[in-house]
């Protein structure tokens, strides 16, 4: 069996513009929806029954929003943060 190098299992660099907002949206909505659900319902049986749906809805909104907003955010950051080497 031929060996597969670690680098060949990675996605191409051009996919970073989708993978980064995907990972960011999953992690952020996971935390924020858990906090929001716990604040509303507490950590009981209702939390476990409600939180996955709350997370799913928030992720469905967050991911496309990040795809649209991140280019704008990058431009704003470039305006306020000095470029290395200057």
PDB file of N, CA and C in Angstrom:
ATOM      1  N   UNK A   1       0.844  -1.175   0.000  1.00  0.00           N
ATOM      2  CA  UNK A   1       0.000   0.000   0.000  1.00  0.00           C
ATOM      3  C   UNK A   1       0.890   1.238   0.000  1.00  0.00           C
ATOM      4  N   UNK A   2       0.656   2.187  -0.922  1.00  0.00           N
ATOM      5  CA  UNK A   2       1.488   3.390  -0.957  1.00  0.00           C
ATOM      6  C   UNK A   2       1.183   4.286   0.238  1.00  0.00           C
ATOM      7  N   UNK A   3       2.229   4.924   0.710  1.00  0.00           N
ATOM      8  CA  UNK A   3       2.025   5.831   1.842  1.00  0.00           C
ATOM      9  C   UNK A   3       1.484   7.165   1.340  1.00  0.00           C
ATOM     10  N   UNK A   4       0.637   7.756   2.134  1.00  0.00           N
ATOM     11  CA  UNK A   4       0.057   9.055   1.802  1.00  0.00           C
ATOM     12  C   UNK A   4       0.712  10.087   2.697  1.00  0.00           C
ATOM     13  N   UNK A   5       1.315  11.081   2.073  1.00  0.00           N
ATOM     14  CA  UNK A   5       1.960  12.116   2.874  1.00  0.00           C
ATOM     15  C   UNK A   5       0.902  12.972   3.552  1.00  0.00           C
ATOM     16  N   UNK A   6       1.278  13.560   4.655  1.00  0.00           N
ATOM     17  CA  UNK A   6       0.365  14.390   5.435  1.00  0.00           C
ATOM     18  C   UNK A   6      -0.173  15.555   4.606  1.00  0.00           C
ATOM     19  N   UNK A   7       0.666  16.162   3.791  1.00  0.00           N
ATOM     20  CA  UNK A   7       0.230  17.322   3.015  1.00  0.00           C
ATOM     21  C   UNK A   7      -0.783  16.953   1.938  1.00  0.00           C
ATOM     22  N   UNK A   8      -0.783  15.728   1.441  1.00  0.00           N
ATOM     23  CA  UNK A   8      -1.720  15.356   0.393  1.00  0.00           C
ATOM     24  C   UNK A   8      -3.138  15.158   0.939  1.00  0.00           C
ATOM     25  N   UNK A   9      -3.295  15.064   2.251  1.00  0.00           N
ATOM     26  CA  UNK A   9      -4.617  14.900   2.839  1.00  0.00           C
ATOM     27  C   UNK A   9      -5.265  16.239   3.156  1.00  0.00           C
ATOM     28  N   UNK A  10      -4.551  17.314   2.963  1.00  0.00           N
ATOM     29  CA  UNK A  10      -5.098  18.635   3.266  1.00  0.00           C
ATOM     30  C   UNK A  10      -5.857  19.190   2.072  1.00  0.00           C
ATOM     31  N   UNK A  11      -6.768  20.076   2.375  1.00  0.00           N
ATOM     32  CA  UNK A  11      -7.487  20.777   1.314  1.00  0.00           C
ATOM     33  C   UNK A  11      -6.552  21.791   0.668  1.00  0.00           C
ATOM     34  N   UNK A  12      -6.816  22.159  -0.561  1.00  0.00           N
ATOM     35  CA  UNK A  12      -5.975  23.178  -1.203  1.00  0.00           C
ATOM     36  C   UNK A  12      -6.138  24.528  -0.513  1.00  0.00           C
ATOM     37  N   UNK A  13      -5.130  25.365  -0.621  1.00  0.00           N
ATOM     38  CA  UNK A  13      -5.124  26.672   0.043  1.00  0.00           C
ATOM     39  C   UNK A  13      -6.318  27.532  -0.366  1.00  0.00           C
ATOM     40  N   UNK A  14      -6.782  27.402  -1.581  1.00  0.00           N
ATOM     41  CA  UNK A  14      -7.908  28.226  -2.041  1.00  0.00           C
ATOM     42  C   UNK A  14      -9.195  27.944  -1.267  1.00  0.00           C
ATOM     43  N   UNK A  15      -9.279  26.807  -0.594  1.00  0.00           N
ATOM     44  CA  UNK A  15     -10.486  26.486   0.177  1.00  0.00           C
ATOM     45  C   UNK A  15     -10.516  27.180   1.543  1.00  0.00           C
ATOM     46  N   UNK A  16      -9.434  27.842   1.927  1.00  0.00           N
ATOM     47  CA  UNK A  16      -9.373  28.514   3.229  1.00  0.00           C
ATOM     48  C   UNK A  16     -10.459  29.578   3.367  1.00  0.00           C
ATOM     49  N   UNK A  17     -10.848  30.212   2.272  1.00  0.00           N
ATOM     50  CA  UNK A  17     -11.865  31.265   2.351  1.00  0.00           C
ATOM     51  C   UNK A  17     -13.244  30.723   2.715  1.00  0.00           C
ATOM     52  N   UNK A  18     -13.449  29.419   2.593  1.00  0.00           N
ATOM     53  CA  UNK A  18     -14.705  28.794   3.006  1.00  0.00           C
ATOM     54  C   UNK A  18     -14.512  28.008   4.305  1.00  0.00           C
ATOM     55  N   UNK A  19     -13.369  27.336   4.438  1.00  0.00           N
ATOM     56  CA  UNK A  19     -13.135  26.510   5.621  1.00  0.00           C
ATOM     57  C   UNK A  19     -13.014  27.355   6.888  1.00  0.00           C
ATOM     58  N   UNK A  20     -12.339  28.501   6.801  1.00  0.00           N
ATOM     59  CA  UNK A  20     -12.178  29.342   7.984  1.00  0.00           C
ATOM     60  C   UNK A  20     -13.527  29.834   8.513  1.00  0.00           C
ATOM     61  N   UNK A  21     -14.409  30.422   7.691  1.00  0.00           N
ATOM     62  CA  UNK A  21     -15.715  30.817   8.227  1.00  0.00           C
ATOM     63  C   UNK A  21     -16.562  29.626   8.667  1.00  0.00           C
ATOM     64  N   UNK A  22     -16.386  28.476   8.031  1.00  0.00           N
ATOM     65  CA  UNK A  22     -17.111  27.279   8.449  1.00  0.00           C
ATOM     66  C   UNK A  22     -16.734  26.899   9.882  1.00  0.00           C
ATOM     67  N   UNK A  23     -15.444  26.775  10.138  1.00  0.00           N
ATOM     68  CA  UNK A  23     -14.975  26.398  11.473  1.00  0.00           C
ATOM     69  C   UNK A  23     -15.337  27.479  12.492  1.00  0.00           C
ATOM     70  N   UNK A  24     -15.120  28.730  12.141  1.00  0.00           N
ATOM     71  CA  UNK A  24     -15.446  29.832  13.041  1.00  0.00           C
ATOM     72  C   UNK A  24     -16.931  29.840  13.386  1.00  0.00           C
ATOM     73  N   UNK A  25     -17.792  29.662  12.400  1.00  0.00           N
ATOM     74  CA  UNK A  25     -19.233  29.685  12.652  1.00  0.00           C
ATOM     75  C   UNK A  25     -19.673  28.504  13.508  1.00  0.00           C
ATOM     76  N   UNK A  26     -19.098  27.334  13.279  1.00  0.00           N
ATOM     77  CA  UNK A  26     -19.449  26.172  14.101  1.00  0.00           C
ATOM     78  C   UNK A  26     -19.074  26.416  15.558  1.00  0.00           C
ATOM     79  N   UNK A  27     -17.842  26.868  15.802  1.00  0.00           N
ATOM     80  CA  UNK A  27     -17.384  27.071  17.173  1.00  0.00           C
ATOM     81  C   UNK A  27     -18.120  28.210  17.874  1.00  0.00           C
ATOM     82  N   UNK A  28     -18.278  29.329  17.200  1.00  0.00           N
ATOM     83  CA  UNK A  28     -18.937  30.475  17.828  1.00  0.00           C
ATOM     84  C   UNK A  28     -20.410  30.181  18.123  1.00  0.00           C
ATOM     85  N   UNK A  29     -21.132  29.620  17.178  1.00  0.00           N
ATOM     86  CA  UNK A  29     -22.544  29.344  17.424  1.00  0.00           C
ATOM     87  C   UNK A  29     -22.726  28.254  18.470  1.00  0.00           C
ATOM     88  N   UNK A  30     -21.798  27.314  18.533  1.00  0.00           N
ATOM     89  CA  UNK A  30     -21.830  26.269  19.565  1.00  0.00           C
ATOM     90  C   UNK A  30     -21.803  26.914  20.950  1.00  0.00           C
ATOM     91  N   UNK A  31     -20.859  27.813  21.165  1.00  0.00           N
ATOM     92  CA  UNK A  31     -20.690  28.463  22.473  1.00  0.00           C
ATOM     93  C   UNK A  31     -21.833  29.436  22.761  1.00  0.00           C
ATOM     94  N   UNK A  32     -22.118  30.313  21.817  1.00  0.00           N
ATOM     95  CA  UNK A  32     -23.123  31.355  22.057  1.00  0.00           C
ATOM     96  C   UNK A  32     -24.515  30.753  22.241  1.00  0.00           C
ATOM     97  N   UNK A  33     -24.880  29.778  21.444  1.00  0.00           N
ATOM     98  CA  UNK A  33     -26.204  29.169  21.602  1.00  0.00           C
ATOM     99  C   UNK A  33     -26.296  28.395  22.916  1.00  0.00           C
ATOM    100  N   UNK A  34     -25.199  27.765  23.332  1.00  0.00           N
ATOM    101  CA  UNK A  34     -25.209  27.061  24.620  1.00  0.00           C
ATOM    102  C   UNK A  34     -25.402  28.047  25.770  1.00  0.00           C
ATOM    103  N   UNK A  35     -24.697  29.160  25.737  1.00  0.00           N
ATOM    104  CA  UNK A  35     -24.830  30.175  26.793  1.00  0.00           C
ATOM    105  C   UNK A  35     -26.237  30.757  26.785  1.00  0.00           C
ATOM    106  N   UNK A  36     -26.731  31.100  25.625  1.00  0.00           N
ATOM    107  CA  UNK A  36     -28.062  31.694  25.519  1.00  0.00           C
ATOM    108  C   UNK A  36     -29.149  30.718  25.982  1.00  0.00           C
ATOM    109  N   UNK A  37     -29.055  29.476  25.569  1.00  0.00           N
ATOM    110  CA  UNK A  37     -30.038  28.466  25.972  1.00  0.00           C
ATOM    111  C   UNK A  37     -29.959  28.214  27.467  1.00  0.00           C
ATOM    112  N   UNK A  38     -28.753  28.109  28.006  1.00  0.00           N
ATOM    113  CA  UNK A  38     -28.591  27.889  29.446  1.00  0.00           C
ATOM    114  C   UNK A  38     -29.131  29.078  30.236  1.00  0.00           C
ATOM    115  N   UNK A  39     -28.911  30.266  29.733  1.00  0.00           N
ATOM    116  CA  UNK A  39     -29.419  31.475  30.412  1.00  0.00           C
ATOM    117  C   UNK A  39     -30.939  31.478  30.444  1.00  0.00           C
ATOM    118  N   UNK A  40     -31.565  31.025  29.371  1.00  0.00           N
ATOM    119  CA  UNK A  40     -33.027  31.010  29.287  1.00  0.00           C
ATOM    120  C   UNK A  40     -33.660  29.861  30.063  1.00  0.00           C
ATOM    121  N   UNK A  41     -33.056  28.678  29.962  1.00  0.00           N
ATOM    122  CA  UNK A  41     -33.698  27.476  30.504  1.00  0.00           C
ATOM    123  C   UNK A  41     -32.980  26.848  31.690  1.00  0.00           C
ATOM    124  N   UNK A  42     -31.712  27.204  31.908  1.00  0.00           N
ATOM    125  CA  UNK A  42     -30.912  26.512  32.915  1.00  0.00           C
ATOM    126  C   UNK A  42     -30.357  25.217  32.343  1.00  0.00           C
ATOM    127  N   UNK A  43     -29.568  24.526  33.162  1.00  0.00           N
ATOM    128  CA  UNK A  43     -28.949  23.266  32.707  1.00  0.00           C
ATOM    129  C   UNK A  43     -29.779  22.080  33.179  1.00  0.00           C
ATOM    130  N   UNK A  44     -30.909  21.878  32.588  1.00  0.00           N
ATOM    131  CA  UNK A  44     -31.767  20.741  32.932  1.00  0.00           C
ATOM    132  C   UNK A  44     -32.112  19.964  31.684  1.00  0.00           C
ATOM    133  N   UNK A  45     -33.107  19.103  31.800  1.00  0.00           N
ATOM    134  CA  UNK A  45     -33.531  18.311  30.633  1.00  0.00           C
ATOM    135  C   UNK A  45     -33.983  19.190  29.467  1.00  0.00           C
ATOM    136  N   UNK A  46     -34.587  20.342  29.784  1.00  0.00           N
ATOM    137  CA  UNK A  46     -35.019  21.249  28.712  1.00  0.00           C
ATOM    138  C   UNK A  46     -33.834  21.774  27.912  1.00  0.00           C
ATOM    139  N   UNK A  47     -32.704  21.988  28.593  1.00  0.00           N
ATOM    140  CA  UNK A  47     -31.504  22.467  27.903  1.00  0.00           C
ATOM    141  C   UNK A  47     -31.065  21.465  26.847  1.00  0.00           C
ATOM    142  N   UNK A  48     -30.951  20.212  27.229  1.00  0.00           N
ATOM    143  CA  UNK A  48     -30.494  19.175  26.295  1.00  0.00           C
ATOM    144  C   UNK A  48     -31.482  18.945  25.153  1.00  0.00           C
ATOM    145  N   UNK A  49     -32.751  19.187  25.409  1.00  0.00           N
ATOM    146  CA  UNK A  49     -33.758  19.003  24.364  1.00  0.00           C
ATOM    147  C   UNK A  49     -33.811  20.199  23.407  1.00  0.00           C
ATOM    148  N   UNK A  50     -33.447  21.381  23.887  1.00  0.00           N
ATOM    149  CA  UNK A  50     -33.612  22.615  23.113  1.00  0.00           C
ATOM    150  C   UNK A  50     -32.338  23.080  22.435  1.00  0.00           C
ATOM    151  N   UNK A  51     -31.209  22.916  23.099  1.00  0.00           N
ATOM    152  CA  UNK A  51     -29.962  23.501  22.611  1.00  0.00           C
ATOM    153  C   UNK A  51     -29.532  23.043  21.214  1.00  0.00           C
ATOM    154  N   UNK A  52     -29.606  21.752  20.858  1.00  0.00           N
ATOM    155  CA  UNK A  52     -29.159  21.374  19.496  1.00  0.00           C
ATOM    156  C   UNK A  52     -29.918  22.100  18.383  1.00  0.00           C
ATOM    157  N   UNK A  53     -31.213  22.289  18.550  1.00  0.00           N
ATOM    158  CA  UNK A  53     -31.985  23.011  17.529  1.00  0.00           C
ATOM    159  C   UNK A  53     -31.598  24.489  17.513  1.00  0.00           C
ATOM    160  N   UNK A  54     -31.376  25.058  18.692  1.00  0.00           N
ATOM    161  CA  UNK A  54     -30.946  26.460  18.766  1.00  0.00           C
ATOM    162  C   UNK A  54     -29.585  26.624  18.090  1.00  0.00           C
ATOM    163  N   UNK A  55     -28.689  25.674  18.320  1.00  0.00           N
ATOM    164  CA  UNK A  55     -27.369  25.734  17.681  1.00  0.00           C
ATOM    165  C   UNK A  55     -27.503  25.632  16.161  1.00  0.00           C
ATOM    166  N   UNK A  56     -28.328  24.701  15.693  1.00  0.00           N
ATOM    167  CA  UNK A  56     -28.474  24.502  14.246  1.00  0.00           C
ATOM    168  C   UNK A  56     -29.020  25.758  13.561  1.00  0.00           C
ATOM    169  N   UNK A  57     -30.018  26.362  14.165  1.00  0.00           N
ATOM    170  CA  UNK A  57     -30.594  27.575  13.575  1.00  0.00           C
ATOM    171  C   UNK A  57     -29.561  28.698  13.552  1.00  0.00           C
ATOM    172  N   UNK A  58     -28.840  28.853  14.650  1.00  0.00           N
ATOM    173  CA  UNK A  58     -27.849  29.934  14.698  1.00  0.00           C
ATOM    174  C   UNK A  58     -26.717  29.677  13.710  1.00  0.00           C
ATOM    175  N   UNK A  59     -26.327  28.432  13.505  1.00  0.00           N
ATOM    176  CA  UNK A  59     -25.267  28.137  12.547  1.00  0.00           C
ATOM    177  C   UNK A  59     -25.727  28.416  11.115  1.00  0.00           C
ATOM    178  N   UNK A  60     -26.976  28.066  10.804  1.00  0.00           N
ATOM    179  CA  UNK A  60     -27.501  28.291   9.458  1.00  0.00           C
ATOM    180  C   UNK A  60     -27.484  29.787   9.118  1.00  0.00           C
ATOM    181  N   UNK A  61     -27.655  30.627  10.108  1.00  0.00           N
ATOM    182  CA  UNK A  61     -27.586  32.073   9.893  1.00  0.00           C
ATOM    183  C   UNK A  61     -26.127  32.547   9.873  1.00  0.00           C
ATOM    184  N   UNK A  62     -25.319  32.035  10.803  1.00  0.00           N
ATOM    185  CA  UNK A  62     -23.949  32.539  10.981  1.00  0.00           C
ATOM    186  C   UNK A  62     -23.027  32.214   9.807  1.00  0.00           C
ATOM    187  N   UNK A  63     -23.096  31.019   9.272  1.00  0.00           N
ATOM    188  CA  UNK A  63     -22.146  30.634   8.225  1.00  0.00           C
ATOM    189  C   UNK A  63     -22.261  31.508   6.972  1.00  0.00           C
ATOM    190  N   UNK A  64     -23.444  31.658   6.388  1.00  0.00           N
ATOM    191  CA  UNK A  64     -23.507  32.536   5.212  1.00  0.00           C
ATOM    192  C   UNK A  64     -23.212  33.996   5.553  1.00  0.00           C
ATOM    193  N   UNK A  65     -23.582  34.400   6.767  1.00  0.00           N
ATOM    194  CA  UNK A  65     -23.269  35.768   7.185  1.00  0.00           C
ATOM    195  C   UNK A  65     -21.765  35.988   7.202  1.00  0.00           C
ATOM    196  N   UNK A  66     -21.015  35.033   7.759  1.00  0.00           N
ATOM    197  CA  UNK A  66     -19.557  35.153   7.777  1.00  0.00           C
ATOM    198  C   UNK A  66     -18.971  35.158   6.366  1.00  0.00           C
ATOM    199  N   UNK A  67     -19.522  34.356   5.483  1.00  0.00           N
ATOM    200  CA  UNK A  67     -19.027  34.350   4.105  1.00  0.00           C
ATOM    201  C   UNK A  67     -19.177  35.737   3.468  1.00  0.00           C
ATOM    202  N   UNK A  68     -20.251  36.427   3.790  1.00  0.00           N
ATOM    203  CA  UNK A  68     -20.488  37.752   3.230  1.00  0.00           C
ATOM    204  C   UNK A  68     -19.707  38.852   3.949  1.00  0.00           C
ATOM    205  N   UNK A  69     -19.553  38.729   5.257  1.00  0.00           N
ATOM    206  CA  UNK A  69     -19.009  39.813   6.075  1.00  0.00           C
ATOM    207  C   UNK A  69     -17.481  39.763   6.199  1.00  0.00           C
ATOM    208  N   UNK A  70     -16.882  38.598   6.158  1.00  0.00           N
ATOM    209  CA  UNK A  70     -15.432  38.509   6.376  1.00  0.00           C
ATOM    210  C   UNK A  70     -14.592  39.336   5.406  1.00  0.00           C
ATOM    211  N   UNK A  71     -14.913  39.417   4.132  1.00  0.00           N
ATOM    212  CA  UNK A  71     -14.112  40.296   3.268  1.00  0.00           C
ATOM    213  C   UNK A  71     -14.153  41.759   3.718  1.00  0.00           C
ATOM    214  N   UNK A  72     -15.298  42.203   4.174  1.00  0.00           N
ATOM    215  CA  UNK A  72     -15.430  43.576   4.679  1.00  0.00           C
ATOM    216  C   UNK A  72     -14.610  43.744   5.952  1.00  0.00           C
ATOM    217  N   UNK A  73     -14.685  42.765   6.826  1.00  0.00           N
ATOM    218  CA  UNK A  73     -13.920  42.808   8.078  1.00  0.00           C
ATOM    219  C   UNK A  73     -12.427  42.854   7.781  1.00  0.00           C
ATOM    220  N   UNK A  74     -11.978  42.075   6.826  1.00  0.00           N
ATOM    221  CA  UNK A  74     -10.551  42.088   6.462  1.00  0.00           C
ATOM    222  C   UNK A  74     -10.114  43.468   5.981  1.00  0.00           C
ATOM    223  N   UNK A  75     -10.952  44.128   5.197  1.00  0.00           N
ATOM    224  CA  UNK A  75     -10.618  45.484   4.724  1.00  0.00           C
ATOM    225  C   UNK A  75     -10.565  46.475   5.879  1.00  0.00           C
ATOM    226  N   UNK A  76     -11.507  46.384   6.791  1.00  0.00           N
ATOM    227  CA  UNK A  76     -11.520  47.281   7.950  1.00  0.00           C
ATOM    228  C   UNK A  76     -10.280  47.055   8.805  1.00  0.00           C
ATOM    229  N   UNK A  77      -9.938  45.803   9.041  1.00  0.00           N
ATOM    230  CA  UNK A  77      -8.745  45.486   9.842  1.00  0.00           C
ATOM    231  C   UNK A  77      -7.495  46.036   9.141  1.00  0.00           C
ATOM    232  N   UNK A  78      -7.416  45.904   7.829  1.00  0.00           N
ATOM    233  CA  UNK A  78      -6.266  46.414   7.079  1.00  0.00           C
ATOM    234  C   UNK A  78      -6.143  47.940   7.211  1.00  0.00           C
ATOM    235  N   UNK A  79      -7.253  48.616   7.394  1.00  0.00           N
ATOM    236  CA  UNK A  79      -7.214  50.071   7.564  1.00  0.00           C
ATOM    237  C   UNK A  79      -6.708  50.488   8.938  1.00  0.00           C
ATOM    238  N   UNK A  80      -6.905  49.657   9.944  1.00  0.00           N
ATOM    239  CA  UNK A  80      -6.554  50.052  11.316  1.00  0.00           C
ATOM    240  C   UNK A  80      -5.324  49.339  11.884  1.00  0.00           C
ATOM    241  N   UNK A  81      -4.847  48.313  11.180  1.00  0.00           N
ATOM    242  CA  UNK A  81      -3.674  47.562  11.650  1.00  0.00           C
ATOM    243  C   UNK A  81      -2.515  47.787  10.683  1.00  0.00           C
ATOM    244  N   UNK A  82      -1.357  48.118  11.253  1.00  0.00           N
ATOM    245  CA  UNK A  82      -0.190  48.349  10.431  1.00  0.00           C
ATOM    246  C   UNK A  82       0.282  47.058   9.760  1.00  0.00           C
ATOM    247  N   UNK A  83       0.670  47.165   8.495  1.00  0.00           N
ATOM    248  CA  UNK A  83       1.175  46.031   7.748  1.00  0.00           C
ATOM    249  C   UNK A  83       2.594  45.705   8.228  1.00  0.00           C
ATOM    250  N   UNK A  84       2.929  44.416   8.403  1.00  0.00           N
ATOM    251  CA  UNK A  84       4.297  44.072   8.827  1.00  0.00           C
ATOM    252  C   UNK A  84       5.335  44.593   7.824  1.00  0.00           C
ATOM    253  N   UNK A  85       6.468  45.026   8.343  1.00  0.00           N
ATOM    254  CA  UNK A  85       7.556  45.490   7.498  1.00  0.00           C
ATOM    255  C   UNK A  85       7.510  46.964   7.170  1.00  0.00           C
ATOM    256  N   UNK A  86       6.586  47.689   7.737  1.00  0.00           N
ATOM    257  CA  UNK A  86       6.520  49.139   7.469  1.00  0.00           C
ATOM    258  C   UNK A  86       7.100  49.923   8.581  1.00  0.00           C
TER     259      UNK A  86
END
